[in-house]
């Protein structure tokens, strides 16, 4: 096998692995993408509950 063929096969294999990894990442991000829910406008400012630090 010639040196040129070895180099071309090495580059082709690297490109195949890179494409497979990219496809897998894109597939995962598409599957686990959550719909955007816009934050609701605050109607009335609520005061946080006042509890002691040791309250259960």
N, C-alpha and C. Protein backbone atom coordinates (compact mmCIF):
# COMPACT_ATOMS: atom_id res chain seq x y z
N UNK A 1 0.85 -1.17 0.00
CA UNK A 1 0.00 0.00 0.00
C UNK A 1 0.90 1.24 0.00
N UNK A 2 0.56 2.18 -0.84
CA UNK A 2 1.41 3.36 -0.97
C UNK A 2 1.18 4.34 0.19
N UNK A 3 2.13 5.20 0.39
CA UNK A 3 2.05 6.19 1.45
C UNK A 3 0.88 7.15 1.23
N UNK A 4 0.62 7.50 0.00
CA UNK A 4 -0.49 8.40 -0.31
C UNK A 4 -1.82 7.77 0.08
N UNK A 5 -1.97 6.50 -0.21
CA UNK A 5 -3.21 5.80 0.12
C UNK A 5 -3.39 5.71 1.63
N UNK A 6 -2.32 5.47 2.36
CA UNK A 6 -2.39 5.39 3.82
C UNK A 6 -2.82 6.74 4.40
N UNK A 7 -2.24 7.81 3.90
CA UNK A 7 -2.59 9.15 4.39
C UNK A 7 -4.05 9.48 4.07
N UNK A 8 -4.50 9.17 2.87
CA UNK A 8 -5.89 9.43 2.48
C UNK A 8 -6.86 8.62 3.33
N UNK A 9 -6.52 7.37 3.62
CA UNK A 9 -7.39 6.54 4.46
C UNK A 9 -7.40 7.05 5.90
N UNK A 10 -6.27 7.54 6.37
CA UNK A 10 -6.20 8.12 7.71
C UNK A 10 -7.07 9.36 7.81
N UNK A 11 -6.99 10.24 6.83
CA UNK A 11 -7.82 11.45 6.82
C UNK A 11 -9.30 11.08 6.66
N UNK A 12 -9.59 10.14 5.81
CA UNK A 12 -10.98 9.70 5.63
C UNK A 12 -11.56 9.09 6.89
N UNK A 13 -10.77 8.30 7.58
CA UNK A 13 -11.24 7.72 8.84
C UNK A 13 -11.47 8.76 9.90
N UNK A 14 -10.57 9.75 9.95
CA UNK A 14 -10.73 10.84 10.92
C UNK A 14 -12.00 11.63 10.63
N UNK A 15 -12.26 11.91 9.36
CA UNK A 15 -13.47 12.64 8.99
C UNK A 15 -14.73 11.82 9.30
N UNK A 16 -14.67 10.52 9.11
CA UNK A 16 -15.83 9.68 9.43
C UNK A 16 -16.11 9.68 10.93
N UNK A 17 -15.08 9.60 11.74
CA UNK A 17 -15.26 9.63 13.19
C UNK A 17 -15.78 10.99 13.63
N UNK A 18 -15.24 12.07 13.08
CA UNK A 18 -15.69 13.42 13.43
C UNK A 18 -17.15 13.62 13.03
N UNK A 19 -17.55 13.14 11.87
CA UNK A 19 -18.94 13.27 11.43
C UNK A 19 -19.87 12.47 12.32
N UNK A 20 -19.46 11.28 12.72
CA UNK A 20 -20.29 10.46 13.60
C UNK A 20 -20.46 11.11 14.97
N UNK A 21 -19.39 11.69 15.49
CA UNK A 21 -19.48 12.36 16.79
C UNK A 21 -20.37 13.60 16.70
N UNK A 22 -20.24 14.36 15.63
CA UNK A 22 -21.08 15.54 15.44
C UNK A 22 -22.54 15.14 15.31
N UNK A 23 -22.83 14.11 14.56
CA UNK A 23 -24.20 13.62 14.39
C UNK A 23 -24.77 13.19 15.74
N UNK A 24 -23.98 12.49 16.55
CA UNK A 24 -24.45 12.05 17.85
C UNK A 24 -24.74 13.22 18.78
N UNK A 25 -23.86 14.21 18.78
CA UNK A 25 -24.09 15.39 19.65
C UNK A 25 -25.33 16.14 19.21
N UNK A 26 -25.50 16.33 17.92
CA UNK A 26 -26.68 17.03 17.43
C UNK A 26 -27.95 16.25 17.73
N UNK A 27 -27.89 14.94 17.66
CA UNK A 27 -29.06 14.12 17.96
C UNK A 27 -29.44 14.24 19.44
N UNK A 28 -28.44 14.23 20.31
CA UNK A 28 -28.71 14.35 21.74
C UNK A 28 -29.28 15.73 22.06
N UNK A 29 -28.70 16.79 21.49
CA UNK A 29 -29.20 18.13 21.79
C UNK A 29 -30.61 18.33 21.25
N UNK A 30 -30.93 17.73 20.13
CA UNK A 30 -32.29 17.85 19.60
C UNK A 30 -33.29 17.11 20.47
N UNK A 31 -32.89 15.96 21.00
CA UNK A 31 -33.80 15.15 21.81
C UNK A 31 -34.03 15.77 23.18
N UNK A 32 -33.01 16.37 23.77
CA UNK A 32 -33.12 16.90 25.13
C UNK A 32 -33.36 18.40 25.17
N UNK A 33 -33.75 18.98 24.04
CA UNK A 33 -34.00 20.42 24.01
C UNK A 33 -35.37 20.70 24.62
N UNK A 34 -35.41 21.57 25.63
CA UNK A 34 -36.66 21.92 26.27
C UNK A 34 -37.23 23.18 25.64
N UNK A 35 -38.55 23.24 25.57
CA UNK A 35 -39.20 24.42 25.00
C UNK A 35 -38.98 25.62 25.91
N UNK A 36 -38.81 26.77 25.30
CA UNK A 36 -38.58 27.98 26.07
C UNK A 36 -39.90 28.48 26.63
N UNK A 37 -39.93 28.70 27.94
CA UNK A 37 -41.11 29.26 28.60
C UNK A 37 -40.73 30.64 29.10
N UNK A 38 -41.35 31.69 28.53
CA UNK A 38 -40.97 33.03 28.96
C UNK A 38 -41.37 33.27 30.41
N UNK A 39 -40.55 33.99 31.14
CA UNK A 39 -40.89 34.25 32.55
C UNK A 39 -42.13 35.12 32.64
N UNK A 40 -42.97 34.81 33.61
CA UNK A 40 -44.19 35.58 33.78
C UNK A 40 -43.87 36.91 34.44
N UNK A 41 -44.64 37.91 34.07
CA UNK A 41 -44.42 39.25 34.63
C UNK A 41 -44.88 39.26 36.09
N UNK A 42 -44.07 39.79 36.97
CA UNK A 42 -44.48 39.82 38.38
C UNK A 42 -45.65 40.79 38.58
N UNK A 43 -46.73 40.26 39.11
CA UNK A 43 -47.90 41.08 39.33
C UNK A 43 -47.78 41.86 40.63
N UNK A 44 -47.45 41.19 41.67
CA UNK A 44 -47.36 41.82 42.98
C UNK A 44 -46.09 41.30 43.65
N UNK A 45 -45.33 42.22 44.19
CA UNK A 45 -44.09 41.82 44.85
C UNK A 45 -44.43 41.09 46.14
N UNK A 46 -44.01 39.84 46.20
CA UNK A 46 -44.28 39.05 47.40
C UNK A 46 -43.09 39.15 48.34
N UNK A 47 -43.39 39.29 49.62
CA UNK A 47 -42.33 39.33 50.62
C UNK A 47 -41.91 37.89 50.93
N UNK A 48 -40.63 37.64 51.02
CA UNK A 48 -40.20 36.29 51.38
C UNK A 48 -40.58 35.99 52.83
N UNK A 49 -40.88 34.74 53.07
CA UNK A 49 -41.26 34.33 54.42
C UNK A 49 -40.07 34.50 55.36
N UNK A 50 -40.35 34.99 56.54
CA UNK A 50 -39.28 35.20 57.51
C UNK A 50 -39.26 34.02 58.47
N UNK A 51 -38.23 33.25 58.37
CA UNK A 51 -38.05 32.10 59.24
C UNK A 51 -36.66 32.19 59.86
N UNK A 52 -36.55 31.59 60.99
CA UNK A 52 -35.24 31.53 61.61
C UNK A 52 -34.37 30.54 60.84
N UNK A 53 -33.11 30.70 60.94
CA UNK A 53 -32.18 29.84 60.21
C UNK A 53 -32.27 28.39 60.69
N UNK A 54 -32.71 28.18 61.95
CA UNK A 54 -32.78 26.82 62.47
C UNK A 54 -34.18 26.25 62.37
N UNK A 55 -35.12 26.95 61.77
CA UNK A 55 -36.49 26.44 61.66
C UNK A 55 -36.51 25.27 60.68
N UNK A 56 -37.36 24.31 60.95
CA UNK A 56 -37.44 23.13 60.08
C UNK A 56 -38.70 23.16 59.30
